[in-house]
Amino acid sequence: MMPLVPLTKKLKDANIDDNTLVVFLSDNGPASYTKITNATPLKGGKITQFEGGINVPFILKWKNHLPENTTYDFPIIALDIFATAANISNAKLPTDRVYDGINLIPFLTNENTNAPHDKLFWRADHIHAIRKGDYKLIYSSRDKWIELYNLKKDKNEKNNLFFQMPEKVKELQDDLKIWENELPAKPMWPRIMDHRFMIDGKEYLFPA
């Protein structure tokens, strides 16, 4: 993979930097199971759906189209890249299917000041997760553990609110079920094995 700085210089030298959207991101958090890296202070890492595994660097650059040196605070997801690229390139997509992700450009330019997503979902075999507003629910339907966090107040996922907020737990579980009912009956990425993580003294098994 070409380093980011030489790539942007090549675009500038070719005089196409104002006609090219550059996206830089990681597909997951660090592989903490190797014991040589971690996502501290975030919980978990690669393979997990804790913030250490899914909250990753995400940088976009598009000269004269996107504001520079700014931070966007609403949650977005890598799935938005396809919809964004398709929109700005005027790609003609088939209309007989539903596409994941949305065009981010109106949100990044403040043309639309709402949050791009009302809810974000993740599913890996027996692990289910949803973020809705400030709250994130994550649980294992097989291993019977469930955790609820307020990410605005507790980004590092230390304070499990499961017992304090049963109504919020049910609301997010219901939202997850609605989304999961739209998924293919056969998973496109089946579980091969589980990887064991010990996090804050608790054992978790995440599909790999």
N, C-alpha and C. Protein backbone atom coordinates (compact mmCIF):
# COMPACT_ATOMS: atom_id res chain seq x y z
N MET A 1 0.85 -1.19 0.00
CA MET A 1 0.00 0.00 0.00
C MET A 1 0.88 1.24 0.00
N MET A 2 0.58 2.20 -0.86
CA MET A 2 1.38 3.41 -0.95
C MET A 2 1.13 4.30 0.26
N PRO A 3 2.19 4.83 0.90
CA PRO A 3 2.01 5.73 2.04
C PRO A 3 1.17 6.94 1.67
N LEU A 4 0.48 7.52 2.68
CA LEU A 4 -0.48 8.58 2.42
C LEU A 4 0.18 9.84 1.87
N VAL A 5 1.30 10.27 2.44
CA VAL A 5 1.92 11.53 2.00
C VAL A 5 2.40 11.46 0.56
N PRO A 6 3.16 10.42 0.15
CA PRO A 6 3.53 10.33 -1.27
C PRO A 6 2.33 10.27 -2.20
N LEU A 7 1.26 9.61 -1.78
CA LEU A 7 0.07 9.52 -2.62
C LEU A 7 -0.52 10.90 -2.85
N THR A 8 -0.68 11.69 -1.79
CA THR A 8 -1.26 13.02 -1.95
C THR A 8 -0.35 13.92 -2.79
N LYS A 9 0.97 13.73 -2.67
CA LYS A 9 1.90 14.52 -3.48
C LYS A 9 1.77 14.15 -4.95
N LYS A 10 1.62 12.88 -5.23
CA LYS A 10 1.46 12.44 -6.62
C LYS A 10 0.17 13.00 -7.23
N LEU A 11 -0.90 13.04 -6.42
CA LEU A 11 -2.16 13.62 -6.91
C LEU A 11 -1.97 15.10 -7.23
N LYS A 12 -1.25 15.78 -6.34
CA LYS A 12 -1.00 17.21 -6.56
C LYS A 12 -0.14 17.43 -7.80
N ASP A 13 0.90 16.63 -7.94
CA ASP A 13 1.79 16.77 -9.10
C ASP A 13 1.05 16.49 -10.40
N ALA A 14 0.06 15.60 -10.34
CA ALA A 14 -0.72 15.27 -11.54
C ALA A 14 -1.88 16.24 -11.75
N ASN A 15 -2.00 17.21 -10.83
CA ASN A 15 -3.05 18.23 -10.90
C ASN A 15 -4.46 17.63 -10.88
N ILE A 16 -4.62 16.56 -10.08
CA ILE A 16 -5.94 15.95 -9.94
C ILE A 16 -6.36 15.85 -8.47
N ASP A 17 -5.65 16.59 -7.59
CA ASP A 17 -5.96 16.48 -6.17
C ASP A 17 -7.31 17.10 -5.82
N ASP A 18 -7.79 18.05 -6.65
CA ASP A 18 -9.10 18.63 -6.35
C ASP A 18 -10.23 17.82 -6.98
N ASN A 19 -9.88 16.72 -7.63
CA ASN A 19 -10.87 15.86 -8.27
C ASN A 19 -10.79 14.43 -7.73
N THR A 20 -10.13 14.29 -6.57
CA THR A 20 -9.91 12.96 -6.00
C THR A 20 -10.21 12.98 -4.49
N LEU A 21 -11.09 12.11 -4.09
CA LEU A 21 -11.37 11.93 -2.66
C LEU A 21 -10.42 10.87 -2.12
N VAL A 22 -9.64 11.23 -1.12
CA VAL A 22 -8.71 10.31 -0.48
C VAL A 22 -9.29 9.87 0.85
N VAL A 23 -9.36 8.56 1.07
CA VAL A 23 -9.87 8.01 2.31
C VAL A 23 -8.78 7.18 2.98
N PHE A 24 -8.55 7.46 4.25
CA PHE A 24 -7.54 6.73 5.01
C PHE A 24 -8.20 6.21 6.28
N LEU A 25 -8.16 4.89 6.48
CA LEU A 25 -8.75 4.33 7.70
C LEU A 25 -8.16 2.97 7.97
N SER A 26 -8.39 2.50 9.20
CA SER A 26 -8.04 1.14 9.57
C SER A 26 -9.32 0.31 9.53
N ASP A 27 -9.21 -0.96 9.13
CA ASP A 27 -10.42 -1.78 9.05
C ASP A 27 -10.80 -2.34 10.42
N ASN A 28 -9.89 -2.26 11.39
CA ASN A 28 -10.21 -2.73 12.74
C ASN A 28 -9.15 -2.19 13.70
N GLY A 29 -9.38 -2.40 14.98
CA GLY A 29 -8.41 -1.98 15.97
C GLY A 29 -7.20 -2.88 16.01
N PRO A 30 -6.25 -2.60 16.91
CA PRO A 30 -5.00 -3.36 16.97
C PRO A 30 -5.22 -4.80 17.40
N ALA A 31 -4.34 -5.68 16.95
CA ALA A 31 -4.43 -7.10 17.29
C ALA A 31 -3.87 -7.32 18.69
N SER A 32 -4.68 -7.01 19.68
CA SER A 32 -4.22 -7.07 21.07
C SER A 32 -3.88 -8.49 21.51
N TYR A 33 -4.43 -9.49 20.81
CA TYR A 33 -4.17 -10.88 21.20
C TYR A 33 -2.72 -11.30 20.93
N THR A 34 -1.98 -10.49 20.18
CA THR A 34 -0.57 -10.78 19.95
C THR A 34 0.29 -10.39 21.14
N LYS A 35 -0.28 -9.61 22.07
CA LYS A 35 0.43 -9.14 23.27
C LYS A 35 1.51 -8.10 22.96
N ILE A 36 1.56 -7.60 21.73
CA ILE A 36 2.56 -6.59 21.41
C ILE A 36 1.94 -5.24 21.11
N THR A 37 0.62 -5.16 21.16
CA THR A 37 -0.07 -3.89 20.92
C THR A 37 -1.41 -3.93 21.63
N ASN A 38 -2.01 -2.76 21.85
CA ASN A 38 -3.33 -2.71 22.46
C ASN A 38 -4.00 -1.39 22.10
N ALA A 39 -5.26 -1.27 22.45
CA ALA A 39 -6.05 -0.08 22.12
C ALA A 39 -6.27 0.81 23.33
N THR A 40 -5.51 0.61 24.38
CA THR A 40 -5.66 1.38 25.61
C THR A 40 -5.76 2.88 25.32
N PRO A 41 -6.74 3.58 25.92
CA PRO A 41 -7.63 3.16 27.00
C PRO A 41 -8.93 2.49 26.54
N LEU A 42 -9.12 2.30 25.23
CA LEU A 42 -10.34 1.65 24.77
C LEU A 42 -10.33 0.16 25.12
N LYS A 43 -11.51 -0.40 25.24
CA LYS A 43 -11.66 -1.81 25.62
C LYS A 43 -11.53 -2.71 24.40
N GLY A 44 -10.83 -3.83 24.57
CA GLY A 44 -10.75 -4.81 23.49
C GLY A 44 -9.83 -4.38 22.37
N GLY A 45 -9.96 -5.07 21.23
CA GLY A 45 -9.14 -4.80 20.07
C GLY A 45 -9.70 -5.57 18.88
N LYS A 46 -8.87 -5.85 17.91
CA LYS A 46 -9.29 -6.56 16.71
C LYS A 46 -10.02 -7.86 17.07
N ILE A 47 -11.04 -8.17 16.32
CA ILE A 47 -11.94 -9.33 16.47
C ILE A 47 -13.11 -9.01 17.40
N THR A 48 -12.90 -8.15 18.40
CA THR A 48 -14.00 -7.80 19.31
C THR A 48 -14.84 -6.67 18.72
N GLN A 49 -16.07 -6.56 19.24
CA GLN A 49 -16.92 -5.43 18.87
C GLN A 49 -16.97 -4.37 19.97
N PHE A 50 -16.00 -4.45 20.89
CA PHE A 50 -15.80 -3.34 21.82
C PHE A 50 -15.17 -2.19 21.06
N GLU A 51 -15.10 -1.01 21.68
CA GLU A 51 -14.61 0.18 20.99
C GLU A 51 -13.16 0.01 20.51
N GLY A 52 -12.37 -0.76 21.23
CA GLY A 52 -11.00 -0.99 20.79
C GLY A 52 -10.90 -1.75 19.49
N GLY A 53 -11.99 -2.41 19.11
CA GLY A 53 -11.99 -3.18 17.87
C GLY A 53 -12.64 -2.47 16.71
N ILE A 54 -13.58 -1.54 17.01
CA ILE A 54 -14.36 -0.94 15.91
C ILE A 54 -14.22 0.58 15.82
N ASN A 55 -13.68 1.23 16.85
CA ASN A 55 -13.48 2.68 16.79
C ASN A 55 -12.08 2.93 16.24
N VAL A 56 -12.00 3.31 14.97
CA VAL A 56 -10.71 3.35 14.27
C VAL A 56 -10.49 4.71 13.61
N PRO A 57 -9.23 5.02 13.26
CA PRO A 57 -8.96 6.26 12.51
C PRO A 57 -9.72 6.26 11.18
N PHE A 58 -10.28 7.43 10.83
CA PHE A 58 -11.06 7.56 9.60
C PHE A 58 -10.86 9.00 9.11
N ILE A 59 -10.06 9.16 8.08
CA ILE A 59 -9.70 10.49 7.59
C ILE A 59 -10.09 10.62 6.12
N LEU A 60 -10.72 11.73 5.79
CA LEU A 60 -11.07 12.00 4.40
C LEU A 60 -10.46 13.32 3.97
N LYS A 61 -9.97 13.37 2.74
CA LYS A 61 -9.38 14.59 2.19
C LYS A 61 -9.87 14.77 0.76
N TRP A 62 -10.44 15.95 0.49
CA TRP A 62 -10.89 16.26 -0.87
C TRP A 62 -10.74 17.76 -1.06
N LYS A 63 -9.68 18.15 -1.71
CA LYS A 63 -9.33 19.57 -1.85
C LYS A 63 -10.48 20.37 -2.46
N ASN A 64 -10.76 21.51 -1.83
CA ASN A 64 -11.79 22.47 -2.27
C ASN A 64 -13.21 21.93 -2.17
N HIS A 65 -13.38 20.76 -1.56
CA HIS A 65 -14.71 20.20 -1.40
C HIS A 65 -15.06 19.93 0.07
N LEU A 66 -14.05 19.53 0.84
CA LEU A 66 -14.26 19.25 2.26
C LEU A 66 -13.43 20.22 3.10
N PRO A 67 -13.97 20.69 4.21
CA PRO A 67 -13.18 21.58 5.08
C PRO A 67 -11.97 20.86 5.64
N GLU A 68 -10.84 21.56 5.69
CA GLU A 68 -9.61 20.94 6.16
C GLU A 68 -9.41 21.15 7.66
N ASN A 69 -8.65 20.24 8.26
CA ASN A 69 -8.25 20.35 9.67
C ASN A 69 -9.45 20.48 10.61
N THR A 70 -10.48 19.71 10.34
CA THR A 70 -11.67 19.71 11.20
C THR A 70 -11.94 18.28 11.67
N THR A 71 -12.67 18.18 12.75
CA THR A 71 -13.05 16.88 13.31
C THR A 71 -14.56 16.73 13.23
N TYR A 72 -15.01 15.59 12.75
CA TYR A 72 -16.43 15.30 12.67
C TYR A 72 -16.80 14.37 13.81
N ASP A 73 -17.78 14.78 14.62
CA ASP A 73 -18.04 14.08 15.87
C ASP A 73 -19.12 13.01 15.80
N PHE A 74 -20.01 13.06 14.83
CA PHE A 74 -21.06 12.04 14.75
C PHE A 74 -20.46 10.71 14.26
N PRO A 75 -20.97 9.59 14.76
CA PRO A 75 -20.46 8.28 14.31
C PRO A 75 -20.76 8.02 12.84
N ILE A 76 -19.75 7.52 12.14
CA ILE A 76 -19.91 7.07 10.76
C ILE A 76 -19.30 5.68 10.69
N ILE A 77 -19.38 5.04 9.52
CA ILE A 77 -18.92 3.66 9.41
C ILE A 77 -18.26 3.46 8.04
N ALA A 78 -17.35 2.48 7.95
CA ALA A 78 -16.64 2.25 6.70
C ALA A 78 -17.58 1.95 5.54
N LEU A 79 -18.76 1.41 5.84
CA LEU A 79 -19.73 1.13 4.79
C LEU A 79 -20.15 2.40 4.04
N ASP A 80 -19.94 3.57 4.65
CA ASP A 80 -20.32 4.82 4.00
C ASP A 80 -19.40 5.17 2.83
N ILE A 81 -18.25 4.56 2.76
CA ILE A 81 -17.30 4.91 1.70
C ILE A 81 -17.89 4.60 0.33
N PHE A 82 -18.50 3.43 0.19
CA PHE A 82 -19.06 3.05 -1.12
C PHE A 82 -20.13 4.04 -1.57
N ALA A 83 -21.08 4.34 -0.67
CA ALA A 83 -22.17 5.24 -1.04
C ALA A 83 -21.64 6.63 -1.37
N THR A 84 -20.63 7.08 -0.64
CA THR A 84 -20.05 8.40 -0.88
C THR A 84 -19.35 8.43 -2.25
N ALA A 85 -18.53 7.42 -2.51
CA ALA A 85 -17.80 7.37 -3.78
C ALA A 85 -18.75 7.24 -4.96
N ALA A 86 -19.78 6.43 -4.81
CA ALA A 86 -20.75 6.25 -5.89
C ALA A 86 -21.46 7.56 -6.20
N ASN A 87 -21.79 8.31 -5.15
CA ASN A 87 -22.51 9.57 -5.35
C ASN A 87 -21.66 10.62 -6.04
N ILE A 88 -20.44 10.82 -5.57
CA ILE A 88 -19.62 11.91 -6.13
C ILE A 88 -19.11 11.56 -7.52
N SER A 89 -19.09 10.28 -7.87
CA SER A 89 -18.66 9.88 -9.21
C SER A 89 -19.83 9.69 -10.16
N ASN A 90 -21.05 9.97 -9.65
CA ASN A 90 -22.26 9.82 -10.45
C ASN A 90 -22.41 8.41 -11.04
N ALA A 91 -22.02 7.43 -10.23
CA ALA A 91 -22.12 6.04 -10.67
C ALA A 91 -23.58 5.63 -10.78
N LYS A 92 -23.90 4.89 -11.81
CA LYS A 92 -25.25 4.38 -11.99
C LYS A 92 -25.32 2.97 -11.40
N LEU A 93 -25.97 2.86 -10.25
CA LEU A 93 -26.02 1.60 -9.53
C LEU A 93 -27.32 0.85 -9.83
N PRO A 94 -27.31 -0.46 -9.77
CA PRO A 94 -28.55 -1.23 -9.92
C PRO A 94 -29.56 -0.80 -8.87
N THR A 95 -30.81 -0.79 -9.22
CA THR A 95 -31.86 -0.33 -8.30
C THR A 95 -32.65 -1.48 -7.68
N ASP A 96 -32.19 -2.71 -7.90
CA ASP A 96 -32.95 -3.86 -7.42
C ASP A 96 -32.41 -4.39 -6.09
N ARG A 97 -31.69 -3.53 -5.34
CA ARG A 97 -31.11 -3.98 -4.08
C ARG A 97 -30.97 -2.82 -3.10
N VAL A 98 -30.77 -3.16 -1.84
CA VAL A 98 -30.55 -2.17 -0.79
C VAL A 98 -29.06 -2.06 -0.54
N TYR A 99 -28.57 -0.82 -0.47
CA TYR A 99 -27.15 -0.59 -0.24
C TYR A 99 -26.90 -0.14 1.19
N ASP A 100 -25.84 -0.67 1.78
CA ASP A 100 -25.43 -0.22 3.10
C ASP A 100 -24.69 1.11 2.97
N GLY A 101 -24.74 1.91 4.02
CA GLY A 101 -23.99 3.16 4.03
C GLY A 101 -24.73 4.30 3.37
N ILE A 102 -24.25 5.52 3.62
CA ILE A 102 -24.84 6.72 3.05
C ILE A 102 -23.75 7.65 2.52
N ASN A 103 -24.17 8.60 1.67
CA ASN A 103 -23.26 9.61 1.15
C ASN A 103 -22.92 10.60 2.27
N LEU A 104 -21.66 10.68 2.63
CA LEU A 104 -21.24 11.50 3.77
C LEU A 104 -21.05 12.98 3.41
N ILE A 105 -20.90 13.31 2.15
CA ILE A 105 -20.50 14.66 1.77
C ILE A 105 -21.42 15.75 2.34
N PRO A 106 -22.75 15.63 2.24
CA PRO A 106 -23.60 16.70 2.81
C PRO A 106 -23.41 16.89 4.31
N PHE A 107 -23.04 15.83 5.00
CA PHE A 107 -22.83 15.91 6.45
C PHE A 107 -21.48 16.54 6.77
N LEU A 108 -20.46 16.20 6.01
CA LEU A 108 -19.12 16.72 6.27
C LEU A 108 -19.00 18.19 5.89
N THR A 109 -19.85 18.66 4.98
CA THR A 109 -19.83 20.07 4.57
C THR A 109 -20.85 20.90 5.33
N ASN A 110 -21.55 20.28 6.28
CA ASN A 110 -22.57 20.95 7.10
C ASN A 110 -23.80 21.36 6.30
N GLU A 111 -23.93 20.85 5.09
CA GLU A 111 -25.17 21.06 4.37
C GLU A 111 -26.32 20.37 5.10
N ASN A 112 -26.01 19.24 5.72
CA ASN A 112 -26.95 18.53 6.57
C ASN A 112 -26.32 18.43 7.96
N THR A 113 -26.95 19.04 8.96
CA THR A 113 -26.37 19.09 10.30
C THR A 113 -26.88 17.98 11.21
N ASN A 114 -27.71 17.09 10.68
CA ASN A 114 -28.19 15.95 11.47
C ASN A 114 -27.10 14.87 11.56
N ALA A 115 -27.31 13.91 12.45
CA ALA A 115 -26.41 12.76 12.51
C ALA A 115 -26.64 11.90 11.27
N PRO A 116 -25.58 11.41 10.63
CA PRO A 116 -25.75 10.57 9.44
C PRO A 116 -26.51 9.28 9.71
N HIS A 117 -26.32 8.74 10.91
CA HIS A 117 -26.94 7.45 11.25
C HIS A 117 -27.71 7.55 12.56
N ASP A 118 -28.93 7.06 12.54
CA ASP A 118 -29.70 6.93 13.78
C ASP A 118 -29.17 5.76 14.60
N LYS A 119 -28.79 4.70 13.90
CA LYS A 119 -28.28 3.49 14.56
C LYS A 119 -27.18 2.87 13.70
N LEU A 120 -26.22 2.23 14.37
CA LEU A 120 -25.20 1.44 13.69
C LEU A 120 -25.22 0.04 14.29
N PHE A 121 -25.00 -0.98 13.44
CA PHE A 121 -25.12 -2.37 13.87
C PHE A 121 -23.87 -3.17 13.52
N TRP A 122 -23.60 -4.18 14.35
CA TRP A 122 -22.54 -5.15 14.06
C TRP A 122 -23.05 -6.54 14.44
N ARG A 123 -22.65 -7.55 13.67
CA ARG A 123 -23.04 -8.92 13.98
C ARG A 123 -21.91 -9.85 13.54
N ALA A 124 -21.48 -10.71 14.46
CA ALA A 124 -20.49 -11.74 14.15
C ALA A 124 -20.92 -13.01 14.87
N ASP A 125 -21.65 -13.86 14.16
CA ASP A 125 -22.16 -15.11 14.71
C ASP A 125 -22.96 -14.82 15.99
N HIS A 126 -22.46 -15.25 17.15
CA HIS A 126 -23.24 -15.10 18.38
C HIS A 126 -23.05 -13.75 19.07
N ILE A 127 -22.23 -12.88 18.49
CA ILE A 127 -22.00 -11.55 19.05
C ILE A 127 -22.86 -10.53 18.30
N HIS A 128 -23.63 -9.75 19.06
CA HIS A 128 -24.52 -8.74 18.50
C HIS A 128 -24.17 -7.39 19.13
N ALA A 129 -24.19 -6.32 18.35
CA ALA A 129 -23.90 -5.00 18.91
C ALA A 129 -24.67 -3.93 18.15
N ILE A 130 -25.06 -2.90 18.87
CA ILE A 130 -25.76 -1.77 18.28
C ILE A 130 -25.33 -0.50 19.00
N ARG A 131 -25.16 0.57 18.25
CA ARG A 131 -25.00 1.90 18.83
C ARG A 131 -26.17 2.75 18.38
N LYS A 132 -26.81 3.39 19.34
CA LYS A 132 -27.94 4.27 19.06
C LYS A 132 -27.79 5.50 19.95
N GLY A 133 -27.52 6.64 19.33
CA GLY A 133 -27.26 7.84 20.12
C GLY A 133 -26.00 7.63 20.94
N ASP A 134 -26.09 7.90 22.24
CA ASP A 134 -24.93 7.76 23.12
C ASP A 134 -24.75 6.34 23.62
N TYR A 135 -25.73 5.47 23.38
CA TYR A 135 -25.72 4.15 24.01
C TYR A 135 -25.29 3.04 23.06
N LYS A 136 -24.58 2.09 23.63
CA LYS A 136 -24.13 0.92 22.88
C LYS A 136 -24.46 -0.34 23.67
N LEU A 137 -25.11 -1.27 23.00
CA LEU A 137 -25.43 -2.57 23.59
C LEU A 137 -24.62 -3.63 22.87
N ILE A 138 -24.01 -4.52 23.63
CA ILE A 138 -23.26 -5.63 23.05
C ILE A 138 -23.52 -6.87 23.88
N TYR A 139 -23.77 -7.98 23.20
CA TYR A 139 -24.04 -9.20 23.96
C TYR A 139 -23.73 -10.44 23.13
N SER A 140 -23.61 -11.57 23.84
CA SER A 140 -23.45 -12.87 23.20
C SER A 140 -24.73 -13.66 23.43
N SER A 141 -25.42 -14.00 22.35
CA SER A 141 -26.64 -14.79 22.46
C SER A 141 -26.34 -16.24 22.83
N ARG A 142 -25.10 -16.67 22.65
CA ARG A 142 -24.71 -18.03 23.00
C ARG A 142 -24.19 -18.12 24.44
N ASP A 143 -23.31 -17.17 24.80
CA ASP A 143 -22.65 -17.24 26.10
C ASP A 143 -23.40 -16.50 27.20
N LYS A 144 -24.48 -15.81 26.81
CA LYS A 144 -25.43 -15.21 27.77
C LYS A 144 -24.82 -14.10 28.63
N TRP A 145 -23.92 -13.29 28.05
CA TRP A 145 -23.52 -12.06 28.72
C TRP A 145 -24.03 -10.88 27.91
N ILE A 146 -24.30 -9.79 28.60
CA ILE A 146 -24.86 -8.61 27.95
C ILE A 146 -24.36 -7.36 28.66
N GLU A 147 -23.98 -6.36 27.88
CA GLU A 147 -23.41 -5.15 28.45
C GLU A 147 -23.97 -3.92 27.72
N LEU A 148 -24.25 -2.88 28.51
CA LEU A 148 -24.77 -1.62 27.98
C LEU A 148 -23.88 -0.48 28.47
N TYR A 149 -23.50 0.40 27.54
CA TYR A 149 -22.62 1.50 27.90
C TYR A 149 -23.15 2.82 27.34
N ASN A 150 -22.90 3.90 28.08
CA ASN A 150 -23.12 5.25 27.59
C ASN A 150 -21.78 5.75 27.07
N LEU A 151 -21.59 5.72 25.77
CA LEU A 151 -20.28 6.03 25.20
C LEU A 151 -19.91 7.50 25.34
N LYS A 152 -20.88 8.37 25.52
CA LYS A 152 -20.56 9.78 25.72
C LYS A 152 -19.86 9.99 27.05
N LYS A 153 -20.32 9.26 28.07
CA LYS A 153 -19.74 9.39 29.40
C LYS A 153 -18.68 8.33 29.69
N ASP A 154 -18.71 7.24 28.94
CA ASP A 154 -17.88 6.08 29.26
C ASP A 154 -17.35 5.46 27.98
N LYS A 155 -16.49 6.19 27.28
CA LYS A 155 -15.96 5.72 26.00
C LYS A 155 -15.16 4.44 26.16
N ASN A 156 -14.60 4.24 27.35
CA ASN A 156 -13.73 3.08 27.56
C ASN A 156 -14.50 1.84 28.03
N GLU A 157 -15.83 1.94 28.08
CA GLU A 157 -16.70 0.81 28.38
C GLU A 157 -16.33 0.11 29.69
N LYS A 158 -16.32 0.89 30.75
CA LYS A 158 -16.00 0.37 32.07
C LYS A 158 -17.24 0.14 32.93
N ASN A 159 -18.28 0.95 32.72
CA ASN A 159 -19.44 0.94 33.60
C ASN A 159 -20.64 0.31 32.89
N ASN A 160 -20.88 -0.97 33.12
CA ASN A 160 -21.98 -1.70 32.50
C ASN A 160 -23.31 -1.27 33.12
N LEU A 161 -24.21 -0.70 32.30
CA LEU A 161 -25.49 -0.17 32.78
C LEU A 161 -26.63 -1.17 32.62
N PHE A 162 -26.32 -2.41 32.37
CA PHE A 162 -27.35 -3.41 32.10
C PHE A 162 -28.42 -3.46 33.19
N PHE A 163 -28.03 -3.51 34.44
CA PHE A 163 -28.99 -3.63 35.53
C PHE A 163 -29.70 -2.31 35.82
N GLN A 164 -29.04 -1.18 35.56
CA GLN A 164 -29.64 0.13 35.85
C GLN A 164 -30.66 0.57 34.80
N MET A 165 -30.53 0.07 33.56
CA MET A 165 -31.37 0.59 32.47
C MET A 165 -31.99 -0.55 31.66
N PRO A 166 -32.85 -1.36 32.28
CA PRO A 166 -33.44 -2.49 31.54
C PRO A 166 -34.30 -2.05 30.36
N GLU A 167 -34.95 -0.90 30.45
CA GLU A 167 -35.79 -0.44 29.34
C GLU A 167 -34.94 -0.08 28.12
N LYS A 168 -33.78 0.54 28.36
CA LYS A 168 -32.88 0.87 27.25
C LYS A 168 -32.33 -0.41 26.62
N VAL A 169 -32.02 -1.40 27.45
CA VAL A 169 -31.54 -2.69 26.94
C VAL A 169 -32.57 -3.30 26.01
N LYS A 170 -33.83 -3.33 26.44
CA LYS A 170 -34.90 -3.92 25.62
C LYS A 170 -35.09 -3.14 24.32
N GLU A 171 -35.03 -1.81 24.40
CA GLU A 171 -35.19 -0.97 23.21
C GLU A 171 -34.13 -1.31 22.17
N LEU A 172 -32.88 -1.43 22.60
CA LEU A 172 -31.80 -1.70 21.67
C LEU A 172 -31.84 -3.14 21.17
N GLN A 173 -32.24 -4.07 22.01
CA GLN A 173 -32.40 -5.46 21.56
C GLN A 173 -33.49 -5.55 20.49
N ASP A 174 -34.58 -4.83 20.68
CA ASP A 174 -35.66 -4.83 19.69
C ASP A 174 -35.17 -4.24 18.36
N ASP A 175 -34.40 -3.15 18.43
CA ASP A 175 -33.85 -2.55 17.22
C ASP A 175 -32.92 -3.53 16.49
N LEU A 176 -32.12 -4.25 17.26
CA LEU A 176 -31.23 -5.24 16.67
C LEU A 176 -31.99 -6.35 15.97
N LYS A 177 -33.07 -6.82 16.59
CA LYS A 177 -33.85 -7.89 16.00
C LYS A 177 -34.47 -7.46 14.67
N ILE A 178 -34.95 -6.23 14.61
CA ILE A 178 -35.53 -5.71 13.37
C ILE A 178 -34.47 -5.72 12.26
N TRP A 179 -33.27 -5.24 12.58
CA TRP A 179 -32.18 -5.22 11.60
C TRP A 179 -31.76 -6.62 11.20
N GLU A 180 -31.62 -7.50 12.17
CA GLU A 180 -31.14 -8.85 11.89
C GLU A 180 -32.13 -9.64 11.05
N ASN A 181 -33.40 -9.32 11.16
CA ASN A 181 -34.40 -10.00 10.34
C ASN A 181 -34.25 -9.66 8.86
N GLU A 182 -33.50 -8.60 8.56
CA GLU A 182 -33.26 -8.20 7.17
C GLU A 182 -32.00 -8.85 6.59
N LEU A 183 -31.22 -9.51 7.43
CA LEU A 183 -29.96 -10.10 6.98
C LEU A 183 -30.20 -11.41 6.25
N PRO A 184 -29.26 -11.85 5.41
CA PRO A 184 -29.37 -13.17 4.76
C PRO A 184 -29.48 -14.27 5.81
N ALA A 185 -30.24 -15.30 5.49
CA ALA A 185 -30.42 -16.40 6.44
C ALA A 185 -29.10 -17.11 6.72
N LYS A 186 -28.25 -17.22 5.70
CA LYS A 186 -26.96 -17.86 5.87
C LYS A 186 -25.87 -16.80 5.95
N PRO A 187 -25.12 -16.74 7.06
CA PRO A 187 -24.07 -15.73 7.19
C PRO A 187 -23.06 -15.82 6.06
N MET A 188 -22.63 -14.65 5.55
CA MET A 188 -21.67 -14.64 4.45
C MET A 188 -20.24 -14.81 4.97
N TRP A 189 -20.04 -14.64 6.29
CA TRP A 189 -18.73 -14.83 6.88
C TRP A 189 -18.92 -15.70 8.12
N PRO A 190 -19.01 -17.02 7.95
CA PRO A 190 -19.31 -17.91 9.08
C PRO A 190 -18.17 -17.98 10.09
N ARG A 191 -18.51 -18.31 11.32
CA ARG A 191 -17.52 -18.44 12.38
C ARG A 191 -16.69 -19.69 12.15
N ILE A 192 -15.37 -19.55 12.19
CA ILE A 192 -14.47 -20.69 12.10
C ILE A 192 -14.08 -21.18 13.49
N MET A 193 -13.87 -20.24 14.38
CA MET A 193 -13.45 -20.55 15.74
C MET A 193 -13.78 -19.36 16.63
N ASP A 194 -13.54 -19.50 17.91
CA ASP A 194 -13.64 -18.38 18.85
C ASP A 194 -12.26 -18.07 19.39
N HIS A 195 -11.98 -16.78 19.56
CA HIS A 195 -10.73 -16.39 20.21
C HIS A 195 -11.05 -15.92 21.62
N ARG A 196 -10.26 -16.39 22.56
CA ARG A 196 -10.48 -16.07 23.97
C ARG A 196 -9.76 -14.78 24.35
N PHE A 197 -10.52 -13.87 24.95
CA PHE A 197 -9.96 -12.62 25.46
C PHE A 197 -10.23 -12.54 26.96
N MET A 198 -9.24 -12.10 27.73
CA MET A 198 -9.42 -11.77 29.13
C MET A 198 -9.33 -10.25 29.25
N ILE A 199 -10.46 -9.60 29.53
CA ILE A 199 -10.51 -8.15 29.59
C ILE A 199 -11.05 -7.74 30.95
N ASP A 200 -10.27 -6.97 31.68
CA ASP A 200 -10.66 -6.53 33.02
C ASP A 200 -11.06 -7.70 33.89
N GLY A 201 -10.36 -8.81 33.74
CA GLY A 201 -10.61 -9.99 34.58
C GLY A 201 -11.78 -10.84 34.16
N LYS A 202 -12.42 -10.52 33.01
CA LYS A 202 -13.58 -11.28 32.53
C LYS A 202 -13.23 -11.97 31.22
N GLU A 203 -13.71 -13.20 31.07
CA GLU A 203 -13.45 -13.95 29.83
C GLU A 203 -14.53 -13.66 28.79
N TYR A 204 -14.08 -13.41 27.58
CA TYR A 204 -14.97 -13.22 26.43
C TYR A 204 -14.50 -14.13 25.30
N LEU A 205 -15.44 -14.72 24.58
CA LEU A 205 -15.13 -15.50 23.39
C LEU A 205 -15.75 -14.78 22.18
N PHE A 206 -14.88 -14.33 21.27
CA PHE A 206 -15.34 -13.61 20.09
C PHE A 206 -15.06 -14.44 18.84
N PRO A 207 -16.03 -14.50 17.92
CA PRO A 207 -15.85 -15.28 16.68
C PRO A 207 -14.69 -14.77 15.85
N ALA A 208 -13.98 -15.71 15.25
CA ALA A 208 -12.86 -15.35 14.37
C ALA A 208 -12.92 -16.23 13.12
